[in-house]
C-alpha atoms as a PDB file:
ATOM      1  CA  UNK A   1     102.355 152.544  99.876  1.00  0.00           C
ATOM      2  CA  UNK A   2     101.314 149.162  98.031  1.00  0.00           C
ATOM      3  CA  UNK A   3     103.831 148.314  95.094  1.00  0.00           C
ATOM      4  CA  UNK A   4     103.354 145.934  92.446  1.00  0.00           C
ATOM      5  CA  UNK A   5     100.690 144.706  89.782  1.00  0.00           C
ATOM      6  CA  UNK A   6      97.320 146.618  89.908  1.00  0.00           C
ATOM      7  CA  UNK A   7      94.051 146.408  88.107  1.00  0.00           C
ATOM      8  CA  UNK A   8      91.751 149.155  87.467  1.00  0.00           C
ATOM      9  CA  UNK A   9      87.907 148.981  88.203  1.00  0.00           C
ATOM     10  CA  UNK A  10      86.140 151.451  86.181  1.00  0.00           C
ATOM     11  CA  UNK A  11      82.119 151.527  85.979  1.00  0.00           C
ATOM     12  CA  UNK A  12      79.744 153.586  84.530  1.00  0.00           C
ATOM     13  CA  UNK A  13      75.395 152.962  84.847  1.00  0.00           C
ATOM     14  CA  UNK A  14      74.306 153.377  81.249  1.00  0.00           C
ATOM     15  CA  UNK A  15      75.886 152.674  77.789  1.00  0.00           C
ATOM     16  CA  UNK A  16      75.638 156.974  77.343  1.00  0.00           C
ATOM     17  CA  UNK A  17      78.338 157.159  79.859  1.00  0.00           C
ATOM     18  CA  UNK A  18      82.159 156.721  79.328  1.00  0.00           C
ATOM     19  CA  UNK A  19      84.928 154.992  81.697  1.00  0.00           C
ATOM     20  CA  UNK A  20      87.374 156.916  79.881  1.00  0.00           C
ATOM     21  CA  UNK A  21      87.889 159.678  82.814  1.00  0.00           C
ATOM     22  CA  UNK A  22      88.035 157.416  85.038  1.00  0.00           C
ATOM     23  CA  UNK A  23      90.245 155.320  83.600  1.00  0.00           C
ATOM     24  CA  UNK A  24      92.650 157.966  82.668  1.00  0.00           C
ATOM     25  CA  UNK A  25      92.957 159.390  86.428  1.00  0.00           C
ATOM     26  CA  UNK A  26      93.311 156.045  87.754  1.00  0.00           C
ATOM     27  CA  UNK A  27      96.391 155.029  85.478  1.00  0.00           C
ATOM     28  CA  UNK A  28      97.796 158.283  86.284  1.00  0.00           C
ATOM     29  CA  UNK A  29      97.239 157.431  89.851  1.00  0.00           C
ATOM     30  CA  UNK A  30      98.784 154.026  89.604  1.00  0.00           C
ATOM     31  CA  UNK A  31     101.932 155.745  87.978  1.00  0.00           C
ATOM     32  CA  UNK A  32     102.622 158.091  90.505  1.00  0.00           C
ATOM     33  CA  UNK A  33     102.577 155.096  92.998  1.00  0.00           C
ATOM     34  CA  UNK A  34     104.536 152.758  91.329  1.00  0.00           C
ATOM     35  CA  UNK A  35     101.980 150.284  90.491  1.00  0.00           C
ATOM     36  CA  UNK A  36     101.840 148.478  86.972  1.00  0.00           C
ATOM     37  CA  UNK A  37      98.362 148.208  85.545  1.00  0.00           C
ATOM     38  CA  UNK A  38      97.953 144.727  84.371  1.00  0.00           C
ATOM     39  CA  UNK A  39      94.406 144.308  83.775  1.00  0.00           C
ATOM     40  CA  UNK A  40      91.528 147.187  83.027  1.00  0.00           C
ATOM     41  CA  UNK A  41      88.035 146.371  83.847  1.00  0.00           C
ATOM     42  CA  UNK A  42      85.413 148.648  82.389  1.00  0.00           C
ATOM     43  CA  UNK A  43      81.787 148.240  83.129  1.00  0.00           C
ATOM     44  CA  UNK A  44      78.623 149.847  81.574  1.00  0.00           C
ATOM     45  CA  UNK A  45      75.921 148.380  84.143  1.00  0.00           C
ATOM     46  CA  UNK A  46      73.945 149.186  87.103  1.00  0.00           C
ATOM     47  CA  UNK A  47      75.664 148.492  90.451  1.00  0.00           C
ATOM     48  CA  UNK A  48      72.218 149.002  92.476  1.00  0.00           C
ATOM     49  CA  UNK A  49      70.676 146.015  90.461  1.00  0.00           C
ATOM     50  CA  UNK A  50      73.558 143.749  90.295  1.00  0.00           C
ATOM     51  CA  UNK A  51      74.133 143.769  86.836  1.00  0.00           C
ATOM     52  CA  UNK A  52      77.900 144.029  87.182  1.00  0.00           C
ATOM     53  CA  UNK A  53      78.244 140.881  88.758  1.00  0.00           C
ATOM     54  CA  UNK A  54      79.476 138.616  86.090  1.00  0.00           C
ATOM     55  CA  UNK A  55      82.646 141.275  85.476  1.00  0.00           C
ATOM     56  CA  UNK A  56      83.112 141.136  89.393  1.00  0.00           C
ATOM     57  CA  UNK A  57      83.344 137.640  89.424  1.00  0.00           C
ATOM     58  CA  UNK A  58      86.228 138.049  87.120  1.00  0.00           C
ATOM     59  CA  UNK A  59      88.044 140.488  89.381  1.00  0.00           C
ATOM     60  CA  UNK A  60      87.664 137.934  91.850  1.00  0.00           C
ATOM     61  CA  UNK A  61      89.148 134.852  89.832  1.00  0.00           C
ATOM     62  CA  UNK A  62      92.214 137.090  88.689  1.00  0.00           C
ATOM     63  CA  UNK A  63      92.671 138.373  92.269  1.00  0.00           C
ATOM     64  CA  UNK A  64      92.531 135.002  93.560  1.00  0.00           C
ATOM     65  CA  UNK A  65      94.836 133.878  91.130  1.00  0.00           C
ATOM     66  CA  UNK A  66      97.430 136.402  92.086  1.00  0.00           C
ATOM     67  CA  UNK A  67      97.558 138.581  88.962  1.00  0.00           C
ATOM     68  CA  UNK A  68      97.230 141.895  90.778  1.00  0.00           C
ATOM     69  CA  UNK A  69      97.601 142.766  94.239  1.00  0.00           C
ATOM     70  CA  UNK A  70      95.650 146.120  94.120  1.00  0.00           C
ATOM     71  CA  UNK A  71      92.238 147.216  92.978  1.00  0.00           C
ATOM     72  CA  UNK A  72      92.159 150.744  92.060  1.00  0.00           C
ATOM     73  CA  UNK A  73      88.556 152.584  91.800  1.00  0.00           C
ATOM     74  CA  UNK A  74      87.444 156.002  90.864  1.00  0.00           C
ATOM     75  CA  UNK A  75      85.204 155.922  94.245  1.00  0.00           C
ATOM     76  CA  UNK A  76      83.771 152.822  96.115  1.00  0.00           C
ATOM     77  CA  UNK A  77      80.252 153.604  94.639  1.00  0.00           C
ATOM     78  CA  UNK A  78      81.585 152.410  91.658  1.00  0.00           C
ATOM     79  CA  UNK A  79      81.897 148.943  92.961  1.00  0.00           C
ATOM     80  CA  UNK A  80      78.588 148.158  94.412  1.00  0.00           C
ATOM     81  CA  UNK A  81      75.210 150.525  95.040  1.00  0.00           C
ATOM     82  CA  UNK A  82      73.597 147.875  97.007  1.00  0.00           C
ATOM     83  CA  UNK A  83      74.836 149.109 100.484  1.00  0.00           C
ATOM     84  CA  UNK A  84      77.277 148.581 103.229  1.00  0.00           C
ATOM     85  CA  UNK A  85      76.987 144.762 103.636  1.00  0.00           C
ATOM     86  CA  UNK A  86      78.081 144.282  99.826  1.00  0.00           C
ATOM     87  CA  UNK A  87      80.826 146.631 100.007  1.00  0.00           C
ATOM     88  CA  UNK A  88      81.956 145.538 102.723  1.00  0.00           C
ATOM     89  CA  UNK A  89      81.969 141.689 101.013  1.00  0.00           C
ATOM     90  CA  UNK A  90      83.258 142.813  98.163  1.00  0.00           C
ATOM     91  CA  UNK A  91      86.240 144.687  99.999  1.00  0.00           C
ATOM     92  CA  UNK A  92      86.710 141.732 102.337  1.00  0.00           C
ATOM     93  CA  UNK A  93      86.525 138.970  99.822  1.00  0.00           C
ATOM     94  CA  UNK A  94      89.605 141.042  97.662  1.00  0.00           C
ATOM     95  CA  UNK A  95      91.303 141.091 101.098  1.00  0.00           C
ATOM     96  CA  UNK A  96      91.006 137.527 101.802  1.00  0.00           C
ATOM     97  CA  UNK A  97      92.694 137.084  98.002  1.00  0.00           C
ATOM     98  CA  UNK A  98      95.478 139.074  99.017  1.00  0.00           C
ATOM     99  CA  UNK A  99      94.120 142.251  96.857  1.00  0.00           C
ATOM    100  CA  UNK A 100      93.956 145.769  98.501  1.00  0.00           C
ATOM    101  CA  UNK A 101      90.903 148.331  97.201  1.00  0.00           C
ATOM    102  CA  UNK A 102      92.092 151.533  96.999  1.00  0.00           C
ATOM    103  CA  UNK A 103      89.813 154.189  96.156  1.00  0.00           C
ATOM    104  CA  UNK A 104      90.843 157.918  94.630  1.00  0.00           C
ATOM    105  CA  UNK A 105      87.758 159.905  95.986  1.00  0.00           C
ATOM    106  CA  UNK A 106      88.450 158.114  99.346  1.00  0.00           C
ATOM    107  CA  UNK A 107      91.980 158.284 100.603  1.00  0.00           C
ATOM    108  CA  UNK A 108      90.920 156.498 103.829  1.00  0.00           C
ATOM    109  CA  UNK A 109      90.536 153.262 101.785  1.00  0.00           C
ATOM    110  CA  UNK A 110      94.245 152.684 103.045  1.00  0.00           C
ATOM    111  CA  UNK A 111      93.769 152.832 106.533  1.00  0.00           C
ATOM    112  CA  UNK A 112      93.502 149.167 108.205  1.00  0.00           C
ATOM    113  CA  UNK A 113      91.327 148.040 110.870  1.00  0.00           C
ATOM    114  CA  UNK A 114      87.807 148.537 112.436  1.00  0.00           C
ATOM    115  CA  UNK A 115      87.633 152.194 111.392  1.00  0.00           C
ATOM    116  CA  UNK A 116      88.134 151.530 107.634  1.00  0.00           C
ATOM    117  CA  UNK A 117      85.544 148.978 108.073  1.00  0.00           C
ATOM    118  CA  UNK A 118      83.044 151.732 109.672  1.00  0.00           C
ATOM    119  CA  UNK A 119      83.862 153.983 106.945  1.00  0.00           C
ATOM    120  CA  UNK A 120      83.409 151.416 104.090  1.00  0.00           C
ATOM    121  CA  UNK A 121      80.009 150.612 105.638  1.00  0.00           C
ATOM    122  CA  UNK A 122      79.119 154.295 105.640  1.00  0.00           C
ATOM    123  CA  UNK A 123      80.274 154.410 101.988  1.00  0.00           C
ATOM    124  CA  UNK A 124      77.950 151.491 100.837  1.00  0.00           C
ATOM    125  CA  UNK A 125      74.978 153.031 102.644  1.00  0.00           C
ATOM    126  CA  UNK A 126      75.515 156.628 101.241  1.00  0.00           C
ATOM    127  CA  UNK A 127      75.893 155.093  97.430  1.00  0.00           C
ATOM    128  CA  UNK A 128      72.537 153.001  98.166  1.00  0.00           C
ATOM    129  CA  UNK A 129      70.702 156.121  98.953  1.00  0.00           C
ATOM    130  CA  UNK A 130      71.874 157.820  96.303  1.00  0.00           C
ATOM    131  CA  UNK A 131      70.861 155.492  94.099  1.00  0.00           C
ATOM    132  CA  UNK A 132      67.345 154.995  95.268  1.00  0.00           C
ATOM    133  CA  UNK A 133      67.183 159.068  95.620  1.00  0.00           C
ATOM    134  CA  UNK A 134      67.938 159.352  91.779  1.00  0.00           C
ATOM    135  CA  UNK A 135      65.359 156.328  91.171  1.00  0.00           C
ATOM    136  CA  UNK A 136      62.875 158.231  93.487  1.00  0.00           C
ATOM    137  CA  UNK A 137      63.187 161.677  91.293  1.00  0.00           C
ATOM    138  CA  UNK A 138      62.884 159.725  87.697  1.00  0.00           C
ATOM    139  CA  UNK A 139      59.551 158.421  89.056  1.00  0.00           C
ATOM    140  CA  UNK A 140      58.181 161.612  90.396  1.00  0.00           C
ATOM    141  CA  UNK A 141      59.275 163.262  86.806  1.00  0.00           C
ATOM    142  CA  UNK A 142      57.331 160.400  84.986  1.00  0.00           C
ATOM    143  CA  UNK A 143      54.408 161.087  87.394  1.00  0.00           C
ATOM    144  CA  UNK A 144      54.505 164.843  86.604  1.00  0.00           C
ATOM    145  CA  UNK A 145      54.975 164.280  82.866  1.00  0.00           C
ATOM    146  CA  UNK A 146      51.499 161.746  83.199  1.00  0.00           C
ATOM    147  CA  UNK A 147      49.768 164.532  84.839  1.00  0.00           C
ATOM    148  CA  UNK A 148      50.260 167.625  82.630  1.00  0.00           C
ATOM    149  CA  UNK A 149      48.925 164.860  79.897  1.00  0.00           C
ATOM    150  CA  UNK A 150      52.073 163.916  78.160  1.00  0.00           C
ATOM    151  CA  UNK A 151      51.671 160.729  76.438  1.00  0.00           C
ATOM    152  CA  UNK A 152      54.753 158.353  77.566  1.00  0.00           C
ATOM    153  CA  UNK A 153      55.389 155.269  75.331  1.00  0.00           C
ATOM    154  CA  UNK A 154      55.311 154.450  72.030  1.00  0.00           C
ATOM    155  CA  UNK A 155      52.491 156.298  69.882  1.00  0.00           C
ATOM    156  CA  UNK A 156      49.016 154.442  69.934  1.00  0.00           C
ATOM    157  CA  UNK A 157      48.531 152.398  66.254  1.00  0.00           C
ATOM    158  CA  UNK A 158      52.263 151.891  65.806  1.00  0.00           C
ATOM    159  CA  UNK A 159      53.119 148.759  63.660  1.00  0.00           C
ATOM    160  CA  UNK A 160      56.499 148.463  63.820  1.00  0.00           C
ATOM    161  CA  UNK A 161      57.264 145.894  66.201  1.00  0.00           C
ATOM    162  CA  UNK A 162      60.745 145.748  66.516  1.00  0.00           C
ATOM    163  CA  UNK A 163      62.451 145.707  69.888  1.00  0.00           C
ATOM    164  CA  UNK A 164      63.449 148.765  70.813  1.00  0.00           C
ATOM    165  CA  UNK A 165      66.511 150.248  72.948  1.00  0.00           C
ATOM    166  CA  UNK A 166      65.511 151.411  76.302  1.00  0.00           C
ATOM    167  CA  UNK A 167      68.692 153.730  77.042  1.00  0.00           C
ATOM    168  CA  UNK A 168      67.622 157.099  77.886  1.00  0.00           C
ATOM    169  CA  UNK A 169      63.973 156.969  77.186  1.00  0.00           C
ATOM    170  CA  UNK A 170      62.893 157.343  80.576  1.00  0.00           C
ATOM    171  CA  UNK A 171      65.033 160.291  81.000  1.00  0.00           C
ATOM    172  CA  UNK A 172      63.811 162.025  78.031  1.00  0.00           C
ATOM    173  CA  UNK A 173      60.370 162.544  79.786  1.00  0.00           C
ATOM    174  CA  UNK A 174      61.477 162.861  83.232  1.00  0.00           C
ATOM    175  CA  UNK A 175      62.445 166.488  82.568  1.00  0.00           C
END
């Protein structure tokens, strides 16, 4: 069981979601393991499109400088949804800096060797497929709404030219 300084990585995909549940459970897990949480990275960006990479760069820098030795995540898909290679790359890069990645939902992340790498690759593949399927369902819902004659977008003739927030816009019409 690792001991020492830990960081928490909590990521949600949209600003409507909240990282509080992830952080609370990861803090509790760290305490049970005797880890001192020295940093919490809370990210509200999509991992599928790579928008989380700026925050991940901070994690790399802090790990390289030895500020923590364990990175706690709720699940590996919180790190990346870009597929097996991206997941393996993140975990291995942090490993080169002397930092172990542990997942609350995937206890096998504490294993060592080739089996761990295989499971990391599978978890990365599953995360990417889940994200792609969610996107396909959203697009299908929008197409269905169009076929039913629902108008999507701003009403014709609208004169307000201010920039609109896109949060939740597509999901309202997909259901």
